[in-house]
Amino acid sequence: MNHIIAVEGIKLYAYHGCLDEEGLIGGHYQVDVYMQTNFTEAAKTDDLSKTIDYCAVYEIAKKEMAIRAKLIEQVADRIHTAVLNDFAMVQKARVRVTKFSPPMNGNVEKVYVEIE
């Protein structure tokens, strides 16, 4: 059976970007994590140890977002790798990192990268 567990809207303040100012000023980000798994046993037993702990997913995102990178592509890749490594029951994962108000020569609300 194919099940999806999603942790959406993880809002964090971080210091990613190619510009030196971004490393000093920082900006607002959102992380969304989608995991394909099988939680049939958890659903039947009501046992957290048989599924993915949302708090652990949040902690992965928080930890990786705290490590400065020039590219959000690198941050998304680190979160994706950590989710797959930390949760053996995850068959596939998709991670989206959104950067709000990127410093561009124009009015852009957000940019995001996604890795699956």
C-alpha atoms as a PDB file:
ATOM      1  CA  MET A   1       0.000   0.000   0.000  1.00  0.00           C
ATOM      2  CA  ASN A   2       1.201   3.490  -0.853  1.00  0.00           C
ATOM      3  CA  HIS A   3       0.826   6.215   1.788  1.00  0.00           C
ATOM      4  CA  ILE A   4       2.056   9.782   1.920  1.00  0.00           C
ATOM      5  CA  ILE A   5       3.027  11.667   5.060  1.00  0.00           C
ATOM      6  CA  ALA A   6       3.528  15.391   4.522  1.00  0.00           C
ATOM      7  CA  VAL A   7       5.012  17.996   6.806  1.00  0.00           C
ATOM      8  CA  GLU A   8       4.169  21.286   5.127  1.00  0.00           C
ATOM      9  CA  GLY A   9       4.814  24.884   5.974  1.00  0.00           C
ATOM     10  CA  ILE A  10       7.900  24.595   8.148  1.00  0.00           C
ATOM     11  CA  LYS A  11       8.688  28.294   8.495  1.00  0.00           C
ATOM     12  CA  LEU A  12      12.272  29.202   9.327  1.00  0.00           C
ATOM     13  CA  TYR A  13      14.561  32.212   9.214  1.00  0.00           C
ATOM     14  CA  ALA A  14      17.902  31.413   7.605  1.00  0.00           C
ATOM     15  CA  TYR A  15      20.954  32.967   5.969  1.00  0.00           C
ATOM     16  CA  HIS A  16      21.267  31.402   2.514  1.00  0.00           C
ATOM     17  CA  GLY A  17      22.273  33.165  -0.663  1.00  0.00           C
ATOM     18  CA  CYS A  18      25.127  34.147  -2.931  1.00  0.00           C
ATOM     19  CA  LEU A  19      25.256  37.731  -1.685  1.00  0.00           C
ATOM     20  CA  ASP A  20      27.257  38.557   1.446  1.00  0.00           C
ATOM     21  CA  GLU A  21      24.319  40.637   2.688  1.00  0.00           C
ATOM     22  CA  GLU A  22      22.103  37.551   2.700  1.00  0.00           C
ATOM     23  CA  GLY A  23      24.517  35.915   5.110  1.00  0.00           C
ATOM     24  CA  LEU A  24      24.215  38.904   7.442  1.00  0.00           C
ATOM     25  CA  ILE A  25      20.560  39.875   7.088  1.00  0.00           C
ATOM     26  CA  GLY A  26      18.933  36.506   6.396  1.00  0.00           C
ATOM     27  CA  GLY A  27      15.462  35.890   5.110  1.00  0.00           C
ATOM     28  CA  HIS A  28      12.231  33.922   5.432  1.00  0.00           C
ATOM     29  CA  TYR A  29      12.002  30.359   4.133  1.00  0.00           C
ATOM     30  CA  GLN A  30       9.518  27.530   4.043  1.00  0.00           C
ATOM     31  CA  VAL A  31      10.281  23.826   3.877  1.00  0.00           C
ATOM     32  CA  ASP A  32       7.773  21.177   2.770  1.00  0.00           C
ATOM     33  CA  VAL A  33       8.575  17.472   3.074  1.00  0.00           C
ATOM     34  CA  TYR A  34       6.545  14.675   1.464  1.00  0.00           C
ATOM     35  CA  MET A  35       7.367  11.043   2.272  1.00  0.00           C
ATOM     36  CA  GLN A  36       6.059   7.904   0.605  1.00  0.00           C
ATOM     37  CA  THR A  37       5.824   5.080   3.109  1.00  0.00           C
ATOM     38  CA  ASN A  38       3.526   2.370   4.405  1.00  0.00           C
ATOM     39  CA  PHE A  39       1.869   3.242   7.700  1.00  0.00           C
ATOM     40  CA  THR A  40      -0.700   0.433   7.734  1.00  0.00           C
ATOM     41  CA  GLU A  41       0.690  -1.041  10.951  1.00  0.00           C
ATOM     42  CA  ALA A  42       0.707   2.361  12.672  1.00  0.00           C
ATOM     43  CA  ALA A  43      -2.908   2.923  11.613  1.00  0.00           C
ATOM     44  CA  LYS A  44      -3.952  -0.441  13.023  1.00  0.00           C
ATOM     45  CA  THR A  45      -1.960  -0.233  16.280  1.00  0.00           C
ATOM     46  CA  ASP A  46      -1.993   3.537  16.951  1.00  0.00           C
ATOM     47  CA  ASP A  47       1.761   3.240  17.623  1.00  0.00           C
ATOM     48  CA  LEU A  48       4.023   6.203  16.813  1.00  0.00           C
ATOM     49  CA  SER A  49       7.074   3.939  16.515  1.00  0.00           C
ATOM     50  CA  LYS A  50       5.489   2.347  13.429  1.00  0.00           C
ATOM     51  CA  THR A  51       5.371   5.600  11.453  1.00  0.00           C
ATOM     52  CA  ILE A  52       7.272   8.845  10.856  1.00  0.00           C
ATOM     53  CA  ASP A  53       7.528  11.274  13.775  1.00  0.00           C
ATOM     54  CA  TYR A  54       6.631  14.731  12.415  1.00  0.00           C
ATOM     55  CA  CYS A  55       8.761  16.384  15.097  1.00  0.00           C
ATOM     56  CA  ALA A  56      11.838  14.506  13.855  1.00  0.00           C
ATOM     57  CA  VAL A  57      11.183  15.739  10.301  1.00  0.00           C
ATOM     58  CA  TYR A  58      10.911  19.303  11.603  1.00  0.00           C
ATOM     59  CA  GLU A  59      14.218  18.924  13.470  1.00  0.00           C
ATOM     60  CA  ILE A  60      15.971  17.722  10.298  1.00  0.00           C
ATOM     61  CA  ALA A  61      14.707  20.745   8.371  1.00  0.00           C
ATOM     62  CA  LYS A  62      15.657  23.119  11.191  1.00  0.00           C
ATOM     63  CA  LYS A  63      19.156  21.636  11.514  1.00  0.00           C
ATOM     64  CA  GLU A  64      19.930  21.729   7.797  1.00  0.00           C
ATOM     65  CA  MET A  65      18.458  25.202   7.300  1.00  0.00           C
ATOM     66  CA  ALA A  66      20.775  26.493  10.053  1.00  0.00           C
ATOM     67  CA  ILE A  67      23.832  25.563   7.954  1.00  0.00           C
ATOM     68  CA  ARG A  68      24.517  28.462   5.597  1.00  0.00           C
ATOM     69  CA  ALA A  69      24.647  27.710   1.874  1.00  0.00           C
ATOM     70  CA  LYS A  70      24.892  29.874  -1.205  1.00  0.00           C
ATOM     71  CA  LEU A  71      22.222  27.799  -2.962  1.00  0.00           C
ATOM     72  CA  ILE A  72      18.908  26.536  -1.650  1.00  0.00           C
ATOM     73  CA  GLU A  73      19.481  23.611  -4.013  1.00  0.00           C
ATOM     74  CA  GLN A  74      22.176  22.400  -1.619  1.00  0.00           C
ATOM     75  CA  VAL A  75      19.925  22.839   1.412  1.00  0.00           C
ATOM     76  CA  ALA A  76      17.088  20.891  -0.240  1.00  0.00           C
ATOM     77  CA  ASP A  77      19.507  18.098  -1.147  1.00  0.00           C
ATOM     78  CA  ARG A  78      20.779  17.874   2.443  1.00  0.00           C
ATOM     79  CA  ILE A  79      17.256  17.694   3.862  1.00  0.00           C
ATOM     80  CA  HIS A  80      16.250  15.080   1.265  1.00  0.00           C
ATOM     81  CA  THR A  81      19.310  12.939   2.048  1.00  0.00           C
ATOM     82  CA  ALA A  82      18.774  13.201   5.812  1.00  0.00           C
ATOM     83  CA  VAL A  83      15.109  12.179   5.554  1.00  0.00           C
ATOM     84  CA  LEU A  84      15.986   9.111   3.483  1.00  0.00           C
ATOM     85  CA  ASN A  85      18.883   8.190   5.801  1.00  0.00           C
ATOM     86  CA  ASP A  86      17.039   8.756   9.091  1.00  0.00           C
ATOM     87  CA  PHE A  87      13.800   6.962   8.237  1.00  0.00           C
ATOM     88  CA  ALA A  88      14.269   3.479   6.805  1.00  0.00           C
ATOM     89  CA  MET A  89      10.532   3.167   6.137  1.00  0.00           C
ATOM     90  CA  VAL A  90      10.536   6.119   3.693  1.00  0.00           C
ATOM     91  CA  GLN A  91      10.480   4.701   0.182  1.00  0.00           C
ATOM     92  CA  LYS A  92      10.605   8.066  -1.620  1.00  0.00           C
ATOM     93  CA  ALA A  93      10.798  11.662  -0.480  1.00  0.00           C
ATOM     94  CA  ARG A  94      10.151  15.043  -2.021  1.00  0.00           C
ATOM     95  CA  VAL A  95      11.508  18.220  -0.463  1.00  0.00           C
ATOM     96  CA  ARG A  96      10.685  21.810  -1.407  1.00  0.00           C
ATOM     97  CA  VAL A  97      12.613  24.793  -0.067  1.00  0.00           C
ATOM     98  CA  THR A  98      10.994  28.167  -0.728  1.00  0.00           C
ATOM     99  CA  LYS A  99      12.824  31.468  -0.391  1.00  0.00           C
ATOM    100  CA  PHE A 100      10.596  34.507   0.093  1.00  0.00           C
ATOM    101  CA  SER A 101      11.451  37.951  -1.299  1.00  0.00           C
ATOM    102  CA  PRO A 102      14.661  36.932  -3.081  1.00  0.00           C
ATOM    103  CA  PRO A 103      17.010  39.827  -3.869  1.00  0.00           C
ATOM    104  CA  MET A 104      16.402  40.281  -7.577  1.00  0.00           C
ATOM    105  CA  ASN A 105      16.074  43.170  -9.980  1.00  0.00           C
ATOM    106  CA  GLY A 106      12.316  42.932  -9.865  1.00  0.00           C
ATOM    107  CA  ASN A 107       9.341  42.276  -7.650  1.00  0.00           C
ATOM    108  CA  VAL A 108       9.373  38.515  -7.013  1.00  0.00           C
ATOM    109  CA  GLU A 109       7.363  37.024  -4.161  1.00  0.00           C
ATOM    110  CA  LYS A 110       9.251  33.728  -3.899  1.00  0.00           C
ATOM    111  CA  VAL A 111      11.398  31.138  -5.578  1.00  0.00           C
ATOM    112  CA  TYR A 112      11.628  27.473  -4.733  1.00  0.00           C
ATOM    113  CA  VAL A 113      13.539  24.338  -5.560  1.00  0.00           C
ATOM    114  CA  GLU A 114      12.221  20.824  -5.270  1.00  0.00           C
ATOM    115  CA  ILE A 115      14.012  17.498  -5.172  1.00  0.00           C
ATOM    116  CA  GLU A 116      12.542  14.006  -5.358  1.00  0.00           C
END
